[in-house]
Amino acid sequence: MSGLILNAFGNGLCISANMGSGLWTAAAVNMNKWIGWNTGLLLFIVGIVNAITNQFLIKHFDGKRLFGEILYVMFFSYFVNIFTDMLNSIGVPQLSIWLRAVLSCLGVAFFCIAISLYQRANIVMHPNDDTTNILRFLYLKGNSTAAQIIDFIPPIIIIAIAGLAIHNVYSVNIGTLFSFIFNGILIAMADKWIWPELKHNFKTKNN
């Protein structure tokens, strides 16, 4: 639960600061500007697609995994909306550009720590982060940075398509660049320094 809250808060901070966010969140923001749907709803839909994709990546049906990820993303999208509204209400969007840039990068660091914690616990996690976990351990010999980079390809495509449609790009700035470069590195660092006793127990099948 703490990982979910930290993840949602980090994403909400990035959205509110409006100086760039993680690529999947940026993709949802740009789809919001394009088609007008609520950002939290779009994050939920993207999460469902991720959860279904994971079933194909592990090459068998895992109902418990699928249900857990759908449940996670339902609460995650709800809390992202709550934190974004809360941070907007206390004036984060009106802060100086430099302070908002720092807050966006801090938001990225928060959700990277959250990802590290619940990927290692491997009880229930955001389906997108399970995707990177699957890629990392099933396909990329444990390389978290390579897994993150591969996982960034779909949101980049979504942002590009939405940008062409609306002739603008939102929520892509210094925080996005920071996320693109440092996501995998920050997760690997958190694995080492944040609760190091918690070890990866990656599995593809329920025991």
N, C-alpha and C. Protein backbone atom coordinates (compact mmCIF):
# COMPACT_ATOMS: atom_id res chain seq x y z
N MET A 1 0.82 -1.20 0.00
CA MET A 1 0.00 0.00 0.00
C MET A 1 0.86 1.26 0.00
N SER A 2 1.97 1.24 0.78
CA SER A 2 2.85 2.40 0.84
C SER A 2 3.48 2.67 -0.52
N GLY A 3 3.81 1.60 -1.26
CA GLY A 3 4.36 1.77 -2.60
C GLY A 3 3.36 2.41 -3.54
N LEU A 4 2.10 2.01 -3.42
CA LEU A 4 1.04 2.58 -4.26
C LEU A 4 0.89 4.07 -3.99
N ILE A 5 0.85 4.45 -2.70
CA ILE A 5 0.67 5.85 -2.32
C ILE A 5 1.86 6.68 -2.80
N LEU A 6 3.08 6.18 -2.59
CA LEU A 6 4.28 6.90 -3.01
C LEU A 6 4.33 7.06 -4.52
N ASN A 7 3.93 6.02 -5.23
CA ASN A 7 3.90 6.06 -6.69
C ASN A 7 2.89 7.10 -7.18
N ALA A 8 1.70 7.06 -6.62
CA ALA A 8 0.65 8.00 -7.01
C ALA A 8 1.04 9.44 -6.66
N PHE A 9 1.64 9.62 -5.50
CA PHE A 9 2.06 10.97 -5.10
C PHE A 9 3.14 11.50 -6.04
N GLY A 10 4.12 10.67 -6.38
CA GLY A 10 5.17 11.10 -7.29
C GLY A 10 4.62 11.50 -8.65
N ASN A 11 3.68 10.72 -9.17
CA ASN A 11 3.06 11.05 -10.45
C ASN A 11 2.20 12.31 -10.34
N GLY A 12 1.46 12.44 -9.25
CA GLY A 12 0.66 13.64 -9.04
C GLY A 12 1.52 14.89 -8.94
N LEU A 13 2.67 14.77 -8.29
CA LEU A 13 3.60 15.89 -8.17
C LEU A 13 4.13 16.31 -9.53
N CYS A 14 4.46 15.32 -10.37
CA CYS A 14 4.92 15.63 -11.73
C CYS A 14 3.85 16.34 -12.54
N ILE A 15 2.61 15.86 -12.45
CA ILE A 15 1.52 16.46 -13.21
C ILE A 15 1.26 17.88 -12.74
N SER A 16 1.22 18.09 -11.41
CA SER A 16 0.93 19.40 -10.86
C SER A 16 2.04 20.40 -11.16
N ALA A 17 3.28 19.97 -11.05
CA ALA A 17 4.41 20.86 -11.31
C ALA A 17 4.49 21.24 -12.79
N ASN A 18 3.98 20.37 -13.66
CA ASN A 18 3.89 20.65 -15.09
C ASN A 18 5.25 21.00 -15.71
N MET A 19 6.27 20.28 -15.25
CA MET A 19 7.59 20.45 -15.85
C MET A 19 8.12 19.10 -16.35
N GLY A 20 7.19 18.27 -16.76
CA GLY A 20 7.54 16.96 -17.28
C GLY A 20 7.26 15.87 -16.27
N SER A 21 6.90 14.70 -16.77
CA SER A 21 6.59 13.57 -15.90
C SER A 21 7.11 12.30 -16.54
N GLY A 22 6.88 11.17 -15.87
CA GLY A 22 7.19 9.89 -16.48
C GLY A 22 6.46 9.76 -17.80
N LEU A 23 7.02 9.01 -18.72
CA LEU A 23 6.47 8.98 -20.08
C LEU A 23 5.06 8.42 -20.15
N TRP A 24 4.73 7.41 -19.35
CA TRP A 24 3.38 6.88 -19.38
C TRP A 24 2.37 7.91 -18.86
N THR A 25 2.76 8.64 -17.81
CA THR A 25 1.88 9.69 -17.31
C THR A 25 1.75 10.81 -18.33
N ALA A 26 2.86 11.18 -18.96
CA ALA A 26 2.83 12.21 -20.02
C ALA A 26 1.93 11.77 -21.17
N ALA A 27 1.97 10.49 -21.50
CA ALA A 27 1.10 9.97 -22.56
C ALA A 27 -0.37 10.15 -22.19
N ALA A 28 -0.70 9.87 -20.92
CA ALA A 28 -2.09 10.03 -20.47
C ALA A 28 -2.51 11.50 -20.50
N VAL A 29 -1.61 12.39 -20.08
CA VAL A 29 -1.91 13.83 -20.09
C VAL A 29 -2.18 14.31 -21.52
N ASN A 30 -1.37 13.86 -22.47
CA ASN A 30 -1.55 14.28 -23.86
C ASN A 30 -2.81 13.68 -24.47
N MET A 31 -3.14 12.45 -24.09
CA MET A 31 -4.42 11.89 -24.54
C MET A 31 -5.59 12.66 -23.95
N ASN A 32 -5.43 13.12 -22.70
CA ASN A 32 -6.46 13.96 -22.07
C ASN A 32 -6.69 15.24 -22.88
N LYS A 33 -5.61 15.87 -23.30
CA LYS A 33 -5.72 17.10 -24.10
C LYS A 33 -6.30 16.81 -25.48
N TRP A 34 -6.08 15.60 -25.98
CA TRP A 34 -6.52 15.22 -27.32
C TRP A 34 -8.00 14.84 -27.35
N ILE A 35 -8.38 13.90 -26.46
CA ILE A 35 -9.74 13.36 -26.54
C ILE A 35 -10.63 13.83 -25.39
N GLY A 36 -10.04 14.51 -24.40
CA GLY A 36 -10.84 15.12 -23.35
C GLY A 36 -11.21 14.22 -22.19
N TRP A 37 -10.76 12.98 -22.19
CA TRP A 37 -11.08 12.08 -21.09
C TRP A 37 -10.23 12.43 -19.87
N ASN A 38 -10.75 12.12 -18.68
CA ASN A 38 -10.05 12.36 -17.43
C ASN A 38 -8.71 11.63 -17.42
N THR A 39 -7.66 12.30 -16.92
CA THR A 39 -6.32 11.69 -16.91
C THR A 39 -6.30 10.41 -16.08
N GLY A 40 -6.98 10.42 -14.93
CA GLY A 40 -7.03 9.21 -14.11
C GLY A 40 -7.69 8.06 -14.83
N LEU A 41 -8.77 8.33 -15.58
CA LEU A 41 -9.44 7.29 -16.35
C LEU A 41 -8.50 6.74 -17.43
N LEU A 42 -7.78 7.63 -18.07
CA LEU A 42 -6.84 7.19 -19.12
C LEU A 42 -5.72 6.34 -18.52
N LEU A 43 -5.22 6.72 -17.35
CA LEU A 43 -4.20 5.91 -16.68
C LEU A 43 -4.75 4.53 -16.34
N PHE A 44 -6.04 4.48 -15.96
CA PHE A 44 -6.68 3.20 -15.66
C PHE A 44 -6.77 2.34 -16.92
N ILE A 45 -7.20 2.93 -18.04
CA ILE A 45 -7.33 2.18 -19.29
C ILE A 45 -5.96 1.66 -19.75
N VAL A 46 -4.96 2.53 -19.68
CA VAL A 46 -3.60 2.12 -20.07
C VAL A 46 -3.14 0.97 -19.17
N GLY A 47 -3.46 1.05 -17.88
CA GLY A 47 -3.08 -0.01 -16.96
C GLY A 47 -3.73 -1.34 -17.30
N ILE A 48 -5.00 -1.30 -17.70
CA ILE A 48 -5.69 -2.53 -18.11
C ILE A 48 -5.00 -3.15 -19.32
N VAL A 49 -4.65 -2.31 -20.29
CA VAL A 49 -3.95 -2.81 -21.48
C VAL A 49 -2.61 -3.42 -21.08
N ASN A 50 -1.89 -2.76 -20.17
CA ASN A 50 -0.62 -3.31 -19.68
C ASN A 50 -0.82 -4.67 -19.00
N ALA A 51 -1.87 -4.76 -18.18
CA ALA A 51 -2.12 -6.00 -17.45
C ALA A 51 -2.39 -7.16 -18.41
N ILE A 52 -3.14 -6.89 -19.47
CA ILE A 52 -3.43 -7.94 -20.47
C ILE A 52 -2.15 -8.30 -21.23
N THR A 53 -1.36 -7.28 -21.57
CA THR A 53 -0.08 -7.52 -22.26
C THR A 53 0.82 -8.44 -21.45
N ASN A 54 0.83 -8.24 -20.13
CA ASN A 54 1.68 -9.06 -19.27
C ASN A 54 1.33 -10.54 -19.34
N GLN A 55 0.06 -10.85 -19.54
CA GLN A 55 -0.35 -12.25 -19.66
C GLN A 55 0.30 -12.90 -20.88
N PHE A 56 0.45 -12.13 -21.94
CA PHE A 56 1.13 -12.65 -23.13
C PHE A 56 2.64 -12.77 -22.90
N LEU A 57 3.21 -11.80 -22.16
CA LEU A 57 4.66 -11.83 -21.93
C LEU A 57 5.08 -13.00 -21.06
N ILE A 58 4.24 -13.39 -20.09
CA ILE A 58 4.60 -14.54 -19.25
C ILE A 58 4.19 -15.87 -19.88
N LYS A 59 3.48 -15.79 -21.02
CA LYS A 59 3.17 -16.95 -21.86
C LYS A 59 2.22 -17.95 -21.22
N HIS A 60 1.42 -17.49 -20.28
CA HIS A 60 0.35 -18.32 -19.74
C HIS A 60 -0.63 -17.41 -19.00
N PHE A 61 -1.83 -17.91 -18.74
CA PHE A 61 -2.83 -17.11 -18.03
C PHE A 61 -2.62 -17.22 -16.53
N ASP A 62 -2.52 -16.07 -15.87
CA ASP A 62 -2.37 -15.99 -14.42
C ASP A 62 -3.46 -15.07 -13.89
N GLY A 63 -4.58 -15.66 -13.51
CA GLY A 63 -5.74 -14.88 -13.10
C GLY A 63 -5.48 -14.03 -11.87
N LYS A 64 -4.75 -14.57 -10.91
CA LYS A 64 -4.46 -13.82 -9.68
C LYS A 64 -3.62 -12.58 -10.01
N ARG A 65 -2.65 -12.75 -10.87
CA ARG A 65 -1.79 -11.62 -11.28
C ARG A 65 -2.63 -10.56 -12.01
N LEU A 66 -3.47 -11.00 -12.92
CA LEU A 66 -4.31 -10.08 -13.70
C LEU A 66 -5.25 -9.30 -12.80
N PHE A 67 -5.94 -9.99 -11.89
CA PHE A 67 -6.88 -9.33 -10.99
C PHE A 67 -6.16 -8.34 -10.08
N GLY A 68 -5.00 -8.75 -9.54
CA GLY A 68 -4.24 -7.88 -8.65
C GLY A 68 -3.79 -6.61 -9.34
N GLU A 69 -3.35 -6.74 -10.58
CA GLU A 69 -2.87 -5.56 -11.31
C GLU A 69 -4.02 -4.62 -11.67
N ILE A 70 -5.16 -5.18 -12.03
CA ILE A 70 -6.32 -4.33 -12.33
C ILE A 70 -6.78 -3.59 -11.06
N LEU A 71 -6.78 -4.30 -9.93
CA LEU A 71 -7.15 -3.68 -8.67
C LEU A 71 -6.17 -2.57 -8.31
N TYR A 72 -4.87 -2.84 -8.50
CA TYR A 72 -3.85 -1.83 -8.20
C TYR A 72 -4.06 -0.58 -9.03
N VAL A 73 -4.23 -0.74 -10.33
CA VAL A 73 -4.30 0.42 -11.21
C VAL A 73 -5.59 1.21 -10.97
N MET A 74 -6.63 0.54 -10.49
CA MET A 74 -7.86 1.24 -10.16
C MET A 74 -7.61 2.22 -9.01
N PHE A 75 -6.94 1.76 -7.94
CA PHE A 75 -6.64 2.64 -6.81
C PHE A 75 -5.57 3.67 -7.19
N PHE A 76 -4.59 3.26 -7.99
CA PHE A 76 -3.52 4.17 -8.41
C PHE A 76 -4.08 5.37 -9.16
N SER A 77 -4.93 5.12 -10.15
CA SER A 77 -5.48 6.22 -10.95
C SER A 77 -6.32 7.15 -10.08
N TYR A 78 -7.04 6.57 -9.11
CA TYR A 78 -7.85 7.37 -8.20
C TYR A 78 -6.97 8.29 -7.35
N PHE A 79 -5.89 7.74 -6.78
CA PHE A 79 -5.02 8.53 -5.92
C PHE A 79 -4.21 9.56 -6.71
N VAL A 80 -3.86 9.26 -7.95
CA VAL A 80 -3.17 10.27 -8.77
C VAL A 80 -4.05 11.50 -8.92
N ASN A 81 -5.33 11.30 -9.19
CA ASN A 81 -6.26 12.43 -9.30
C ASN A 81 -6.34 13.20 -7.99
N ILE A 82 -6.41 12.49 -6.86
CA ILE A 82 -6.51 13.14 -5.55
C ILE A 82 -5.27 13.99 -5.27
N PHE A 83 -4.08 13.39 -5.47
CA PHE A 83 -2.84 14.13 -5.19
C PHE A 83 -2.65 15.30 -6.14
N THR A 84 -3.01 15.13 -7.40
CA THR A 84 -2.88 16.23 -8.36
C THR A 84 -3.77 17.40 -7.94
N ASP A 85 -5.02 17.11 -7.61
CA ASP A 85 -5.94 18.16 -7.17
C ASP A 85 -5.44 18.83 -5.89
N MET A 86 -4.93 18.04 -4.95
CA MET A 86 -4.43 18.58 -3.69
C MET A 86 -3.24 19.51 -3.92
N LEU A 87 -2.30 19.06 -4.73
CA LEU A 87 -1.10 19.86 -5.00
C LEU A 87 -1.44 21.12 -5.80
N ASN A 88 -2.40 21.00 -6.71
CA ASN A 88 -2.87 22.18 -7.44
C ASN A 88 -3.48 23.20 -6.49
N SER A 89 -4.24 22.69 -5.51
CA SER A 89 -4.96 23.58 -4.60
C SER A 89 -4.01 24.35 -3.67
N ILE A 90 -2.82 23.80 -3.40
CA ILE A 90 -1.88 24.51 -2.52
C ILE A 90 -0.89 25.37 -3.32
N GLY A 91 -1.10 25.43 -4.63
CA GLY A 91 -0.35 26.40 -5.42
C GLY A 91 0.90 25.92 -6.11
N VAL A 92 1.10 24.61 -6.21
CA VAL A 92 2.30 24.11 -6.88
C VAL A 92 2.43 24.63 -8.32
N PRO A 93 1.34 24.68 -9.12
CA PRO A 93 1.49 25.17 -10.50
C PRO A 93 1.91 26.63 -10.59
N GLN A 94 1.77 27.39 -9.50
CA GLN A 94 2.12 28.81 -9.52
C GLN A 94 3.54 29.08 -9.02
N LEU A 95 4.26 28.05 -8.63
CA LEU A 95 5.63 28.22 -8.17
C LEU A 95 6.55 28.61 -9.33
N SER A 96 7.76 29.04 -9.03
CA SER A 96 8.71 29.42 -10.07
C SER A 96 9.06 28.21 -10.94
N ILE A 97 9.47 28.48 -12.15
CA ILE A 97 9.78 27.41 -13.10
C ILE A 97 10.90 26.51 -12.59
N TRP A 98 11.87 27.11 -11.91
CA TRP A 98 12.99 26.31 -11.41
C TRP A 98 12.57 25.40 -10.27
N LEU A 99 11.74 25.90 -9.39
CA LEU A 99 11.27 25.06 -8.29
C LEU A 99 10.37 23.95 -8.80
N ARG A 100 9.54 24.26 -9.79
CA ARG A 100 8.68 23.22 -10.36
C ARG A 100 9.51 22.15 -11.08
N ALA A 101 10.62 22.56 -11.69
CA ALA A 101 11.51 21.59 -12.34
C ALA A 101 12.10 20.63 -11.30
N VAL A 102 12.50 21.19 -10.17
CA VAL A 102 13.04 20.36 -9.08
C VAL A 102 11.97 19.41 -8.56
N LEU A 103 10.74 19.92 -8.39
CA LEU A 103 9.65 19.08 -7.88
C LEU A 103 9.30 17.96 -8.86
N SER A 104 9.36 18.24 -10.16
CA SER A 104 9.10 17.19 -11.16
C SER A 104 10.13 16.07 -11.05
N CYS A 105 11.40 16.45 -10.94
CA CYS A 105 12.46 15.43 -10.80
C CYS A 105 12.31 14.67 -9.48
N LEU A 106 11.89 15.39 -8.43
CA LEU A 106 11.65 14.73 -7.15
C LEU A 106 10.50 13.74 -7.26
N GLY A 107 9.45 14.12 -8.01
CA GLY A 107 8.34 13.20 -8.23
C GLY A 107 8.78 11.93 -8.93
N VAL A 108 9.67 12.08 -9.92
CA VAL A 108 10.22 10.91 -10.61
C VAL A 108 10.97 10.02 -9.62
N ALA A 109 11.79 10.64 -8.76
CA ALA A 109 12.54 9.86 -7.77
C ALA A 109 11.59 9.12 -6.83
N PHE A 110 10.50 9.77 -6.43
CA PHE A 110 9.52 9.12 -5.54
C PHE A 110 8.94 7.87 -6.19
N PHE A 111 8.49 8.00 -7.45
CA PHE A 111 7.83 6.83 -8.03
C PHE A 111 8.84 5.75 -8.41
N CYS A 112 10.12 6.11 -8.62
CA CYS A 112 11.14 5.09 -8.86
C CYS A 112 11.40 4.27 -7.59
N ILE A 113 11.43 4.95 -6.45
CA ILE A 113 11.59 4.24 -5.17
C ILE A 113 10.41 3.31 -4.94
N ALA A 114 9.21 3.80 -5.23
CA ALA A 114 8.01 2.97 -5.07
C ALA A 114 8.09 1.74 -5.96
N ILE A 115 8.51 1.94 -7.20
CA ILE A 115 8.63 0.82 -8.15
C ILE A 115 9.61 -0.21 -7.62
N SER A 116 10.76 0.26 -7.13
CA SER A 116 11.76 -0.66 -6.59
C SER A 116 11.19 -1.50 -5.45
N LEU A 117 10.46 -0.85 -4.54
CA LEU A 117 9.93 -1.55 -3.38
C LEU A 117 8.94 -2.63 -3.76
N TYR A 118 7.95 -2.28 -4.62
CA TYR A 118 6.94 -3.30 -4.87
C TYR A 118 7.35 -4.28 -5.96
N GLN A 119 8.35 -3.94 -6.79
CA GLN A 119 8.86 -4.96 -7.70
C GLN A 119 9.62 -6.04 -6.92
N ARG A 120 10.33 -5.62 -5.88
CA ARG A 120 11.05 -6.61 -5.06
C ARG A 120 10.08 -7.44 -4.23
N ALA A 121 9.09 -6.79 -3.65
CA ALA A 121 8.10 -7.54 -2.86
C ALA A 121 7.31 -8.48 -3.75
N ASN A 122 6.99 -8.03 -4.96
CA ASN A 122 6.31 -8.85 -5.97
C ASN A 122 5.03 -9.48 -5.43
N ILE A 123 4.26 -8.68 -4.69
CA ILE A 123 2.95 -9.15 -4.21
C ILE A 123 1.89 -8.66 -5.18
N VAL A 124 1.80 -7.35 -5.32
CA VAL A 124 0.93 -6.75 -6.33
C VAL A 124 1.57 -5.43 -6.72
N MET A 125 1.51 -5.09 -8.00
CA MET A 125 2.16 -3.87 -8.47
C MET A 125 1.40 -3.31 -9.66
N HIS A 126 1.78 -2.08 -10.04
CA HIS A 126 1.21 -1.50 -11.23
C HIS A 126 1.57 -2.38 -12.42
N PRO A 127 0.61 -2.69 -13.30
CA PRO A 127 0.90 -3.59 -14.43
C PRO A 127 2.03 -3.11 -15.32
N ASN A 128 2.18 -1.79 -15.47
CA ASN A 128 3.28 -1.29 -16.28
C ASN A 128 4.63 -1.62 -15.66
N ASP A 129 4.70 -1.56 -14.34
CA ASP A 129 5.95 -1.90 -13.65
C ASP A 129 6.18 -3.41 -13.63
N ASP A 130 5.11 -4.18 -13.65
CA ASP A 130 5.26 -5.62 -13.82
C ASP A 130 5.81 -5.93 -15.21
N THR A 131 5.39 -5.13 -16.21
CA THR A 131 5.92 -5.31 -17.56
C THR A 131 7.43 -5.17 -17.56
N THR A 132 7.94 -4.10 -16.91
CA THR A 132 9.40 -3.92 -16.87
C THR A 132 10.06 -5.03 -16.07
N ASN A 133 9.38 -5.50 -15.01
CA ASN A 133 9.93 -6.61 -14.23
C ASN A 133 10.04 -7.87 -15.07
N ILE A 134 8.99 -8.16 -15.84
CA ILE A 134 9.00 -9.34 -16.73
C ILE A 134 10.09 -9.21 -17.78
N LEU A 135 10.15 -8.05 -18.42
CA LEU A 135 11.19 -7.82 -19.43
C LEU A 135 12.58 -7.99 -18.80
N ARG A 136 12.74 -7.42 -17.60
CA ARG A 136 14.04 -7.43 -16.93
C ARG A 136 14.52 -8.84 -16.64
N PHE A 137 13.65 -9.69 -16.10
CA PHE A 137 14.10 -11.00 -15.62
C PHE A 137 13.86 -12.14 -16.61
N LEU A 138 12.85 -12.01 -17.47
CA LEU A 138 12.60 -13.08 -18.43
C LEU A 138 13.34 -12.89 -19.75
N TYR A 139 13.59 -11.62 -20.09
CA TYR A 139 14.12 -11.35 -21.43
C TYR A 139 15.46 -10.61 -21.45
N LEU A 140 15.83 -9.92 -20.36
CA LEU A 140 16.99 -9.02 -20.41
C LEU A 140 18.03 -9.31 -19.33
N LYS A 141 18.02 -10.49 -18.77
CA LYS A 141 19.05 -10.94 -17.83
C LYS A 141 19.24 -9.99 -16.65
N GLY A 142 18.13 -9.42 -16.16
CA GLY A 142 18.19 -8.59 -14.97
C GLY A 142 18.51 -7.13 -15.19
N ASN A 143 18.62 -6.69 -16.43
CA ASN A 143 19.01 -5.32 -16.74
C ASN A 143 17.79 -4.39 -16.61
N SER A 144 17.71 -3.63 -15.50
CA SER A 144 16.55 -2.77 -15.26
C SER A 144 16.54 -1.57 -16.21
N THR A 145 17.71 -1.04 -16.54
CA THR A 145 17.77 0.13 -17.42
C THR A 145 17.26 -0.21 -18.81
N ALA A 146 17.69 -1.35 -19.37
CA ALA A 146 17.23 -1.76 -20.70
C ALA A 146 15.73 -2.03 -20.69
N ALA A 147 15.23 -2.62 -19.61
CA ALA A 147 13.79 -2.90 -19.50
C ALA A 147 12.99 -1.61 -19.51
N GLN A 148 13.47 -0.60 -18.78
CA GLN A 148 12.77 0.68 -18.75
C GLN A 148 12.76 1.35 -20.12
N ILE A 149 13.89 1.30 -20.81
CA ILE A 149 13.98 1.95 -22.13
C ILE A 149 13.02 1.30 -23.12
N ILE A 150 12.95 -0.02 -23.13
CA ILE A 150 12.02 -0.72 -24.02
C ILE A 150 10.57 -0.36 -23.67
N ASP A 151 10.30 -0.27 -22.38
CA ASP A 151 8.94 0.04 -21.93
C ASP A 151 8.53 1.47 -22.29
N PHE A 152 9.50 2.33 -22.58
CA PHE A 152 9.21 3.72 -22.94
C PHE A 152 8.74 3.88 -24.39
N ILE A 153 8.94 2.88 -25.22
CA ILE A 153 8.62 3.02 -26.64
C ILE A 153 7.13 3.28 -26.88
N PRO A 154 6.19 2.50 -26.28
CA PRO A 154 4.76 2.78 -26.53
C PRO A 154 4.31 4.18 -26.12
N PRO A 155 4.68 4.70 -24.90
CA PRO A 155 4.21 6.04 -24.57
C PRO A 155 4.79 7.13 -25.47
N ILE A 156 6.02 6.93 -25.94
CA ILE A 156 6.60 7.89 -26.87
C ILE A 156 5.77 7.95 -28.16
N ILE A 157 5.33 6.79 -28.63
CA ILE A 157 4.49 6.73 -29.83
C ILE A 157 3.16 7.43 -29.58
N ILE A 158 2.55 7.17 -28.39
CA ILE A 158 1.28 7.80 -28.05
C ILE A 158 1.43 9.32 -28.00
N ILE A 159 2.48 9.80 -27.35
CA ILE A 159 2.72 11.25 -27.25
C ILE A 159 2.89 11.86 -28.63
N ALA A 160 3.62 11.16 -29.50
CA ALA A 160 3.86 11.68 -30.85
C ALA A 160 2.55 11.77 -31.64
N ILE A 161 1.71 10.74 -31.55
CA ILE A 161 0.43 10.75 -32.27
C ILE A 161 -0.49 11.84 -31.74
N ALA A 162 -0.59 11.95 -30.40
CA ALA A 162 -1.43 12.99 -29.80
C ALA A 162 -0.90 14.38 -30.15
N GLY A 163 0.41 14.52 -30.13
CA GLY A 163 1.02 15.80 -30.47
C GLY A 163 0.72 16.24 -31.88
N LEU A 164 0.73 15.30 -32.80
CA LEU A 164 0.38 15.61 -34.19
C LEU A 164 -1.09 16.02 -34.31
N ALA A 165 -1.94 15.38 -33.49
CA ALA A 165 -3.37 15.66 -33.56
C ALA A 165 -3.72 17.02 -32.98
N ILE A 166 -3.06 17.40 -31.88
CA ILE A 166 -3.42 18.65 -31.20
C ILE A 166 -2.40 19.76 -31.45
N HIS A 167 -1.35 19.45 -32.20
CA HIS A 167 -0.32 20.43 -32.56
C HIS A 167 0.36 21.03 -31.34
N ASN A 168 0.50 20.21 -30.31
CA ASN A 168 1.21 20.63 -29.10
C ASN A 168 1.55 19.39 -28.29
N VAL A 169 2.50 19.52 -27.39
CA VAL A 169 2.87 18.41 -26.52
C VAL A 169 2.86 18.92 -25.08
N TYR A 170 2.20 18.18 -24.20
CA TYR A 170 2.07 18.57 -22.81
C TYR A 170 2.81 17.59 -21.90
N SER A 171 3.19 18.10 -20.73
CA SER A 171 3.80 17.28 -19.67
C SER A 171 5.09 16.60 -20.12
N VAL A 172 5.74 17.17 -21.12
CA VAL A 172 7.05 16.68 -21.57
C VAL A 172 8.02 17.83 -21.40
N ASN A 173 8.96 17.67 -20.46
CA ASN A 173 9.88 18.76 -20.15
C ASN A 173 11.08 18.14 -19.44
N ILE A 174 11.72 18.91 -18.59
CA ILE A 174 12.92 18.44 -17.93
C ILE A 174 12.66 17.20 -17.09
N GLY A 175 11.46 17.12 -16.48
CA GLY A 175 11.13 15.94 -15.68
C GLY A 175 11.05 14.68 -16.53
N THR A 176 10.57 14.83 -17.75
CA THR A 176 10.47 13.69 -18.67
C THR A 176 11.87 13.21 -19.08
N LEU A 177 12.73 14.17 -19.40
CA LEU A 177 14.12 13.82 -19.76
C LEU A 177 14.81 13.15 -18.58
N PHE A 178 14.58 13.70 -17.38
CA PHE A 178 15.15 13.11 -16.17
C PHE A 178 14.67 11.68 -15.99
N SER A 179 13.37 11.46 -16.21
CA SER A 179 12.79 10.13 -16.10
C SER A 179 13.38 9.18 -17.14
N PHE A 180 13.48 9.66 -18.38
CA PHE A 180 13.98 8.81 -19.46
C PHE A 180 15.41 8.35 -19.17
N ILE A 181 16.23 9.25 -18.66
CA ILE A 181 17.64 8.93 -18.42
C ILE A 181 17.84 8.13 -17.14
N PHE A 182 17.11 8.49 -16.10
CA PHE A 182 17.45 7.99 -14.77
C PHE A 182 16.48 6.97 -14.18
N ASN A 183 15.33 6.69 -14.83
CA ASN A 183 14.38 5.74 -14.25
C ASN A 183 15.04 4.43 -13.84
N GLY A 184 15.65 3.76 -14.81
CA GLY A 184 16.27 2.47 -14.52
C GLY A 184 17.39 2.58 -13.50
N ILE A 185 18.17 3.65 -13.58
CA ILE A 185 19.29 3.86 -12.65
C ILE A 185 18.76 4.08 -11.24
N LEU A 186 17.72 4.91 -11.10
CA LEU A 186 17.16 5.18 -9.78
C LEU A 186 16.53 3.93 -9.17
N ILE A 187 15.88 3.12 -9.98
CA ILE A 187 15.30 1.88 -9.48
C ILE A 187 16.40 0.95 -8.98
N ALA A 188 17.48 0.82 -9.77
CA ALA A 188 18.60 -0.03 -9.37
C ALA A 188 19.25 0.49 -8.09
N MET A 189 19.39 1.82 -7.96
CA MET A 189 19.96 2.41 -6.75
C MET A 189 19.06 2.16 -5.54
N ALA A 190 17.73 2.31 -5.75
CA ALA A 190 16.80 2.05 -4.65
C ALA A 190 16.85 0.59 -4.24
N ASP A 191 17.02 -0.32 -5.21
CA ASP A 191 17.17 -1.74 -4.89
C ASP A 191 18.31 -1.95 -3.90
N LYS A 192 19.37 -1.15 -4.08
CA LYS A 192 20.58 -1.31 -3.27
C LYS A 192 20.52 -0.58 -1.94
N TRP A 193 19.90 0.62 -1.93
CA TRP A 193 20.01 1.49 -0.77
C TRP A 193 18.72 1.62 0.04
N ILE A 194 17.56 1.42 -0.56
CA ILE A 194 16.30 1.57 0.16
C ILE A 194 15.78 0.19 0.55
N TRP A 195 15.80 -0.10 1.84
CA TRP A 195 15.39 -1.41 2.38
C TRP A 195 16.10 -2.54 1.63
N PRO A 196 17.43 -2.59 1.71
CA PRO A 196 18.20 -3.59 0.95
C PRO A 196 17.90 -5.03 1.34
N GLU A 197 17.34 -5.23 2.53
CA GLU A 197 16.99 -6.60 2.94
C GLU A 197 15.86 -7.19 2.12
N LEU A 198 15.09 -6.33 1.47
CA LEU A 198 13.98 -6.79 0.62
C LEU A 198 14.55 -7.19 -0.73
N LYS A 199 14.55 -8.49 -1.01
CA LYS A 199 15.17 -9.01 -2.22
C LYS A 199 14.12 -9.34 -3.27
N HIS A 200 14.54 -9.31 -4.53
CA HIS A 200 13.65 -9.70 -5.63
C HIS A 200 13.23 -11.16 -5.48
N ASN A 201 11.94 -11.41 -5.59
CA ASN A 201 11.45 -12.79 -5.61
C ASN A 201 10.60 -12.99 -6.85
N PHE A 202 11.15 -12.55 -7.98
CA PHE A 202 10.40 -12.59 -9.25
C PHE A 202 9.94 -14.00 -9.57
N LYS A 203 8.68 -14.08 -10.02
CA LYS A 203 8.13 -15.36 -10.46
C LYS A 203 7.16 -15.09 -11.58
N THR A 204 6.97 -16.08 -12.42
CA THR A 204 5.99 -15.95 -13.50
C THR A 204 4.74 -16.74 -13.19
N LYS A 205 4.81 -17.66 -12.24
CA LYS A 205 3.65 -18.46 -11.88
C LYS A 205 3.40 -18.33 -10.40
N ASN A 206 2.13 -18.38 -10.03
CA ASN A 206 1.79 -18.35 -8.62
C ASN A 206 2.21 -19.65 -7.97
N ASN A 207 2.75 -19.54 -6.75
CA ASN A 207 3.14 -20.75 -6.04
C ASN A 207 1.92 -21.38 -5.36
